[in-house]
């Protein structure tokens, strides 16, 4: 049988038929509908930031944006990055359009007039993705139940197939940490007709079940700014350790103490870095994690101490002492195992430490006061 005869005898099978003949677990993941951006908001902002930093905020061809981001125009990562920036409402256009440009919301994010303006814009970007908005509204914040209890809800209420549950949960939690959506966050009562803009213009408040410092009122929620490592340098701490510490201990402890908690983890230009410094110096309270003696944390702590404003010092058990700090100020420890049982003990302990620092902020001996009295 020659080649021509063999070719004629073969049936024609479409690509779709081949795909349908595969077991479900072997089918391409791209066939799954994902009603959310594939890249986290913190990464998507890089597209808007590139337009600002390298092209004066003007529209730019995708190949130039890719070059500014150190990527190739044809790469899948660049495609998902530009698509995510578009889906968060930061930019118009993607890898496959003639140009990419900043939207009004994108300009508000990268050209903020104040820390509050930047924070509101970033939250708007997060909530512009409908499913993130709905999940926060459903669970009244960022705290999700255990995955085995969560899966039915994700599928029945939000239409997410099981294959992407873990991916969605990871992106949702990462975005909530970046944006500052705590475990208690009211968007508005169901059926109240409140718009997203109205919800975002309201202050975050606790559910009334938390222990709250005396000076806190329902309309004045103090801020707790966290400075901590966000990459692990000590091999005893696995990758993602500090993200887990923030989510499992610091965020619930500070929220329960009545604070609106934000972190120093940001990426961007000098303006965004200056925003970090502003928040560091202006926050009502700063929580500093001394674990691994991270130089960035110690530098930021020194800036805060120079302002003689209240700080809360914590560290993982096993962290070596810092002579000038340990001899003068109280440092509370948490268990680095992060087991459910240890977290259950550490959260109220850190919460009490935060409340004590806040209630004694006017009378406590600060680092500078101690040094000045020693002269």
Protein backbone atom coordinates (compact mmCIF):
# COMPACT_ATOMS: atom_id res chain seq x y z
CA UNK A 1 0.00 0.00 0.00
CA UNK A 2 1.56 3.33 -1.04
CA UNK A 3 1.42 6.62 0.85
CA UNK A 4 -1.40 8.00 -1.29
CA UNK A 5 -3.68 5.03 -0.65
CA UNK A 6 -2.95 5.05 3.07
CA UNK A 7 -3.79 8.75 3.33
CA UNK A 8 -7.11 8.33 1.51
CA UNK A 9 -8.17 5.43 3.71
CA UNK A 10 -7.72 7.35 6.96
CA UNK A 11 -10.90 8.99 8.32
CA UNK A 12 -10.84 12.73 8.90
CA UNK A 13 -11.09 13.52 12.60
CA UNK A 14 -11.56 17.09 13.81
CA UNK A 15 -9.40 18.57 16.55
CA UNK A 16 -12.50 19.01 18.68
CA UNK A 17 -13.35 15.34 18.32
CA UNK A 18 -9.85 14.36 19.41
CA UNK A 19 -10.12 16.68 22.39
CA UNK A 20 -13.52 15.26 23.35
CA UNK A 21 -12.17 11.71 23.16
CA UNK A 22 -9.60 12.40 25.88
CA UNK A 23 -10.38 11.59 29.51
CA UNK A 24 -11.43 14.70 31.40
CA UNK A 25 -8.22 14.85 33.41
CA UNK A 26 -6.18 14.98 30.15
CA UNK A 27 -8.11 17.79 28.47
CA UNK A 28 -6.51 21.17 28.10
CA UNK A 29 -7.01 23.40 31.13
CA UNK A 30 -7.57 26.31 28.74
CA UNK A 31 -11.03 24.88 27.99
CA UNK A 32 -12.10 25.71 31.54
CA UNK A 33 -13.85 29.03 31.92
CA UNK A 34 -12.20 31.26 34.51
CA UNK A 35 -14.26 34.33 35.48
CA UNK A 36 -11.27 35.97 37.17
CA UNK A 37 -7.82 37.32 36.21
CA UNK A 38 -5.09 34.68 36.10
CA UNK A 39 -2.47 37.01 37.61
CA UNK A 40 -2.83 38.64 41.07
CA UNK A 41 -3.59 42.34 41.25
CA UNK A 42 -0.14 43.13 42.64
CA UNK A 43 1.39 41.72 39.44
CA UNK A 44 -1.22 43.24 37.11
CA UNK A 45 -0.41 46.71 38.41
CA UNK A 46 3.04 46.33 36.85
CA UNK A 47 1.49 46.88 33.39
CA UNK A 48 -0.01 50.22 34.41
CA UNK A 49 3.21 51.11 36.22
CA UNK A 50 5.28 50.40 33.09
CA UNK A 51 3.12 52.81 31.06
CA UNK A 52 3.64 55.47 33.70
CA UNK A 53 7.35 54.99 34.31
CA UNK A 54 8.58 54.37 30.78
CA UNK A 55 6.10 56.22 28.55
CA UNK A 56 4.73 59.09 30.64
CA UNK A 57 1.36 57.40 31.09
CA UNK A 58 0.69 57.40 27.34
CA UNK A 59 -0.62 54.50 25.26
CA UNK A 60 2.10 52.14 24.00
CA UNK A 61 2.39 49.18 21.63
CA UNK A 62 2.39 45.83 23.45
CA UNK A 63 5.94 44.98 22.34
CA UNK A 64 7.22 48.11 24.10
CA UNK A 65 5.26 47.31 27.27
CA UNK A 66 6.66 43.77 27.20
CA UNK A 67 10.20 45.09 26.82
CA UNK A 68 9.70 47.45 29.77
CA UNK A 69 8.55 44.49 31.86
CA UNK A 70 11.51 42.35 30.80
CA UNK A 71 9.26 39.92 28.95
CA UNK A 72 8.63 38.78 25.41
CA UNK A 73 5.51 39.98 23.59
CA UNK A 74 4.62 36.43 22.56
CA UNK A 75 5.04 34.86 25.98
CA UNK A 76 2.04 33.37 27.74
CA UNK A 77 2.95 35.19 30.96
CA UNK A 78 2.79 38.56 29.20
CA UNK A 79 -0.57 37.61 27.70
CA UNK A 80 -2.03 36.74 31.12
CA UNK A 81 -0.44 39.83 32.67
CA UNK A 82 -2.01 42.23 30.17
CA UNK A 83 -5.33 40.38 30.24
CA UNK A 84 -5.37 40.56 34.04
CA UNK A 85 -4.56 44.27 34.01
CA UNK A 86 -7.48 44.75 31.61
CA UNK A 87 -9.83 42.61 33.72
CA UNK A 88 -8.98 44.59 36.85
CA UNK A 89 -9.89 47.73 34.94
CA UNK A 90 -6.38 49.22 35.03
CA UNK A 91 -5.61 49.24 31.32
CA UNK A 92 -7.32 48.91 27.96
CA UNK A 93 -5.87 46.51 25.40
CA UNK A 94 -3.84 43.32 25.69
CA UNK A 95 -0.89 41.61 24.08
CA UNK A 96 -2.93 41.16 20.88
CA UNK A 97 -4.13 44.75 20.39
CA UNK A 98 -2.42 47.64 18.64
CA UNK A 99 -1.71 49.43 21.91
CA UNK A 100 -2.21 49.30 25.65
CA UNK A 101 -3.39 52.38 27.51
CA UNK A 102 -4.19 53.46 31.05
CA UNK A 103 -7.81 53.71 32.14
CA UNK A 104 -9.03 56.35 34.55
CA UNK A 105 -8.85 53.80 37.36
CA UNK A 106 -5.35 52.80 36.31
CA UNK A 107 -4.26 56.42 36.49
CA UNK A 108 -5.70 56.71 39.98
CA UNK A 109 -3.66 53.67 41.04
CA UNK A 110 -0.30 54.81 39.64
CA UNK A 111 -0.79 58.58 40.09
CA UNK A 112 -2.41 58.68 43.55
CA UNK A 113 -2.94 62.05 45.18
CA UNK A 114 -2.80 60.51 48.66
CA UNK A 115 -2.44 57.14 50.37
CA UNK A 116 -6.21 57.06 50.80
CA UNK A 117 -6.74 57.74 47.10
CA UNK A 118 -4.36 54.92 46.17
CA UNK A 119 -5.98 52.51 48.59
CA UNK A 120 -9.48 53.26 47.32
CA UNK A 121 -8.34 52.80 43.71
CA UNK A 122 -6.69 49.46 44.41
CA UNK A 123 -9.83 48.23 46.16
CA UNK A 124 -11.97 49.37 43.25
CA UNK A 125 -9.74 47.34 40.94
CA UNK A 126 -10.15 44.25 43.12
CA UNK A 127 -13.93 44.62 43.40
CA UNK A 128 -14.31 45.33 39.68
CA UNK A 129 -13.91 41.56 39.23
CA UNK A 130 -17.45 40.38 39.92
CA UNK A 131 -16.60 37.00 41.43
CA UNK A 132 -14.16 38.53 43.95
CA UNK A 133 -16.87 41.01 44.88
CA UNK A 134 -19.44 38.25 45.33
CA UNK A 135 -17.17 35.97 47.37
CA UNK A 136 -16.23 38.77 49.79
CA UNK A 137 -19.90 39.66 50.12
CA UNK A 138 -20.92 36.02 50.67
CA UNK A 139 -18.34 35.29 53.37
CA UNK A 140 -18.38 38.84 54.81
CA UNK A 141 -14.65 39.21 54.33
CA UNK A 142 -11.59 37.29 53.23
CA UNK A 143 -11.79 34.39 55.67
CA UNK A 144 -12.82 31.25 53.80
CA UNK A 145 -13.87 27.93 55.38
CA UNK A 146 -11.71 24.85 54.97
CA UNK A 147 -11.46 23.78 51.35
CA UNK A 148 -13.47 20.59 51.85
CA UNK A 149 -16.41 22.70 53.05
CA UNK A 150 -15.73 25.47 50.54
CA UNK A 151 -15.78 23.39 47.36
CA UNK A 152 -19.55 22.88 47.17
CA UNK A 153 -20.14 26.60 47.65
CA UNK A 154 -17.64 27.55 44.95
CA UNK A 155 -19.31 25.19 42.50
CA UNK A 156 -22.98 25.71 43.41
CA UNK A 157 -22.97 29.45 44.17
CA UNK A 158 -20.19 30.74 41.93
CA UNK A 159 -20.03 28.24 39.08
CA UNK A 160 -16.38 27.28 39.55
CA UNK A 161 -15.50 23.74 38.53
CA UNK A 162 -13.40 21.71 41.01
CA UNK A 163 -10.32 21.74 38.75
CA UNK A 164 -9.71 25.44 39.46
CA UNK A 165 -10.78 25.66 43.11
CA UNK A 166 -7.23 25.68 44.48
CA UNK A 167 -6.10 28.21 41.88
CA UNK A 168 -9.01 30.52 42.66
CA UNK A 169 -8.55 30.27 46.43
CA UNK A 170 -4.85 31.10 46.13
CA UNK A 171 -5.51 34.13 43.92
CA UNK A 172 -8.40 35.34 46.07
CA UNK A 173 -6.40 35.16 49.31
CA UNK A 174 -3.32 36.76 47.76
CA UNK A 175 -5.41 39.64 46.38
CA UNK A 176 -7.18 40.15 49.70
CA UNK A 177 -3.87 40.41 51.54
CA UNK A 178 -2.54 42.91 49.01
CA UNK A 179 -5.68 45.04 49.00
CA UNK A 180 -6.21 44.85 52.76
CA UNK A 181 -9.52 43.01 52.86
CA UNK A 182 -9.69 41.54 56.34
CA UNK A 183 -11.66 38.64 57.75
CA UNK A 184 -14.52 41.07 58.51
CA UNK A 185 -15.52 43.31 55.63
CA UNK A 186 -19.02 44.56 54.90
CA UNK A 187 -19.77 45.50 51.30
CA UNK A 188 -23.39 46.27 52.08
CA UNK A 189 -26.45 44.40 53.18
CA UNK A 190 -27.86 42.02 50.58
CA UNK A 191 -30.64 43.66 48.66
CA UNK A 192 -29.85 47.06 50.14
CA UNK A 193 -29.17 48.55 46.73
CA UNK A 194 -25.89 50.08 47.89
CA UNK A 195 -23.47 50.58 45.06
CA UNK A 196 -19.88 49.40 45.16
CA UNK A 197 -18.74 53.03 45.22
CA UNK A 198 -20.90 53.67 48.29
CA UNK A 199 -19.57 50.56 49.96
CA UNK A 200 -15.97 51.50 49.31
CA UNK A 201 -16.48 54.97 50.69
CA UNK A 202 -17.48 53.48 54.03
CA UNK A 203 -14.93 52.65 56.71
CA UNK A 204 -14.25 48.98 57.50
CA UNK A 205 -15.57 48.08 60.91
CA UNK A 206 -15.56 44.94 62.99
CA UNK A 207 -18.63 42.80 63.56
CA UNK A 208 -18.94 43.88 67.16
CA UNK A 209 -17.69 40.55 68.51
CA UNK A 210 -14.05 41.58 68.80
CA UNK A 211 -12.13 42.93 71.75
CA UNK A 212 -11.67 46.61 70.96
CA UNK A 213 -9.30 49.17 72.53
CA UNK A 214 -11.07 51.80 74.59
CA UNK A 215 -10.14 54.71 72.34
CA UNK A 216 -11.68 53.15 69.23
CA UNK A 217 -15.12 54.29 68.12
CA UNK A 218 -17.41 52.85 65.48
CA UNK A 219 -16.42 55.55 62.99
CA UNK A 220 -12.72 55.86 63.79
CA UNK A 221 -10.79 52.68 63.13
CA UNK A 222 -7.06 53.04 63.81
CA UNK A 223 -4.53 51.62 61.40
CA UNK A 224 -1.95 48.94 62.12
CA UNK A 225 0.86 48.89 59.56
CA UNK A 226 2.84 45.63 59.44
CA UNK A 227 6.52 45.52 58.52
CA UNK A 228 7.80 41.98 58.07
CA UNK A 229 9.85 39.86 55.68
CA UNK A 230 8.01 38.70 52.59
CA UNK A 231 10.68 36.36 51.26
CA UNK A 232 12.29 33.62 53.30
CA UNK A 233 16.08 33.74 53.67
CA UNK A 234 16.47 31.20 56.45
CA UNK A 235 16.18 27.65 55.15
CA UNK A 236 14.29 26.68 58.30
CA UNK A 237 11.33 28.72 57.00
CA UNK A 238 9.68 27.27 53.86
CA UNK A 239 8.60 29.42 50.93
CA UNK A 240 5.34 31.18 51.80
CA UNK A 241 6.02 31.08 55.55
CA UNK A 242 5.62 34.83 56.10
CA UNK A 243 2.49 35.03 53.94
CA UNK A 244 1.00 32.37 56.16
CA UNK A 245 2.11 34.16 59.36
CA UNK A 246 0.38 37.33 58.19
CA UNK A 247 -2.83 35.55 57.16
CA UNK A 248 -3.04 33.12 60.08
CA UNK A 249 -1.80 35.27 63.00
CA UNK A 250 -1.21 38.97 62.36
CA UNK A 251 -4.33 39.78 60.35
CA UNK A 252 -6.86 38.06 62.65
CA UNK A 253 -5.08 39.35 65.77
CA UNK A 254 -5.00 42.98 64.60
CA UNK A 255 -8.54 42.82 63.23
CA UNK A 256 -9.82 41.36 66.50
CA UNK A 257 -8.00 44.14 68.35
CA UNK A 258 -10.03 46.65 66.32
CA UNK A 259 -7.44 47.77 63.78
CA UNK A 260 -7.50 48.20 60.03
CA UNK A 261 -4.39 46.26 59.03
CA UNK A 262 -2.15 46.93 56.01
CA UNK A 263 1.27 45.68 55.01
CA UNK A 264 4.49 47.04 53.58
CA UNK A 265 4.44 44.63 50.67
CA UNK A 266 4.19 46.80 47.59
CA UNK A 267 5.76 47.02 44.16
CA UNK A 268 6.08 50.11 42.02
CA UNK A 269 7.63 53.49 41.55
CA UNK A 270 9.04 56.10 43.87
CA UNK A 271 5.53 57.42 44.46
CA UNK A 272 4.30 54.07 45.70
CA UNK A 273 7.47 53.63 47.77
CA UNK A 274 6.88 57.07 49.26
CA UNK A 275 3.36 55.97 50.05
CA UNK A 276 4.81 53.07 52.03
CA UNK A 277 7.01 55.47 54.01
CA UNK A 278 4.01 57.73 54.62
CA UNK A 279 1.94 54.83 55.91
CA UNK A 280 4.86 53.60 58.02
CA UNK A 281 5.24 56.97 59.73
CA UNK A 282 1.57 57.97 59.89
CA UNK A 283 -0.02 54.68 60.95
CA UNK A 284 -1.53 54.71 64.42
CA UNK A 285 0.41 51.58 65.29
CA UNK A 286 3.20 49.59 63.61
CA UNK A 287 3.70 45.85 64.12
CA UNK A 288 7.25 44.73 63.31
CA UNK A 289 8.21 41.08 62.87
CA UNK A 290 11.88 40.70 63.80
CA UNK A 291 12.12 37.12 62.54
CA UNK A 292 15.32 36.48 60.53
CA UNK A 293 16.57 39.98 61.48
CA UNK A 294 15.55 41.16 58.01
CA UNK A 295 17.51 44.37 57.20
CA UNK A 296 14.54 46.05 55.48
CA UNK A 297 12.36 45.45 58.52
CA UNK A 298 15.04 46.78 60.89
CA UNK A 299 15.56 49.86 58.71
CA UNK A 300 11.83 50.61 58.63
CA UNK A 301 11.58 49.96 62.37
CA UNK A 302 14.38 52.48 62.94
CA UNK A 303 12.48 55.08 60.92
CA UNK A 304 9.36 54.48 62.98
CA UNK A 305 11.24 54.59 66.29
CA UNK A 306 12.84 57.89 65.26
CA UNK A 307 9.29 59.32 65.12
CA UNK A 308 8.76 58.09 68.71
CA UNK A 309 5.40 56.56 67.80
CA UNK A 310 3.96 53.27 69.16
CA UNK A 311 5.28 49.96 67.87
CA UNK A 312 4.49 46.31 68.58
CA UNK A 313 7.42 43.90 68.33
CA UNK A 314 7.01 40.21 67.57
CA UNK A 315 9.18 37.36 66.34
CA UNK A 316 9.05 33.62 65.73
CA UNK A 317 10.36 31.44 68.54
CA UNK A 318 13.99 30.60 67.92
CA UNK A 319 14.86 34.04 66.57
CA UNK A 320 18.03 35.38 68.14
CA UNK A 321 17.84 38.53 70.29
CA UNK A 322 18.65 42.02 69.09
CA UNK A 323 20.57 43.50 72.00
CA UNK A 324 19.37 47.12 71.90
CA UNK A 325 15.76 46.08 71.34
CA UNK A 326 15.37 43.04 73.62
CA UNK A 327 16.94 44.79 76.61
CA UNK A 328 14.57 47.74 76.39
CA UNK A 329 11.29 46.73 74.79
CA UNK A 330 8.92 43.79 75.09
CA UNK A 331 9.00 41.33 72.18
CA UNK A 332 6.14 38.82 71.96
CA UNK A 333 6.85 35.46 70.33
CA UNK A 334 4.71 33.22 68.13
CA UNK A 335 5.18 29.54 67.30
CA UNK A 336 6.67 29.10 63.79
CA UNK A 337 5.05 25.68 63.39
CA UNK A 338 1.78 27.41 62.47
CA UNK A 339 -0.25 24.38 63.45
CA UNK A 340 -3.96 24.94 64.05
CA UNK A 341 -3.41 24.38 67.77
CA UNK A 342 -0.46 26.81 68.02
CA UNK A 343 -2.18 29.48 65.93
CA UNK A 344 -5.23 29.25 68.20
CA UNK A 345 -2.97 30.14 71.15
CA UNK A 346 -0.87 32.77 69.38
CA UNK A 347 -3.67 34.90 67.88
CA UNK A 348 -5.16 36.00 71.24
CA UNK A 349 -1.64 36.45 72.63
CA UNK A 350 -0.63 38.79 69.78
CA UNK A 351 -4.04 40.48 69.99
CA UNK A 352 -3.48 41.26 73.69
CA UNK A 353 0.02 42.51 72.90
CA UNK A 354 -1.40 44.89 70.28
CA UNK A 355 -4.12 46.19 72.59
CA UNK A 356 -1.65 46.73 75.44
CA UNK A 357 0.68 48.72 73.19
CA UNK A 358 -2.23 50.85 71.98
CA UNK A 359 -3.76 51.53 75.38
CA UNK A 360 -0.34 52.42 76.85
CA UNK A 361 0.80 54.48 73.87
CA UNK A 362 0.84 57.74 75.85
CA UNK A 363 2.50 56.37 78.98
CA UNK A 364 4.78 53.56 77.82
CA UNK A 365 8.54 54.03 77.80
CA UNK A 366 9.44 54.18 74.12
CA UNK A 367 12.89 53.42 72.75
CA UNK A 368 13.74 57.12 72.39
CA UNK A 369 12.42 58.02 75.84
CA UNK A 370 14.55 55.30 77.41
CA UNK A 371 17.67 56.47 75.58
CA UNK A 372 17.11 60.12 76.44
CA UNK A 373 16.58 59.34 80.11
CA UNK A 374 19.77 57.30 80.12
CA UNK A 375 21.84 60.35 79.21
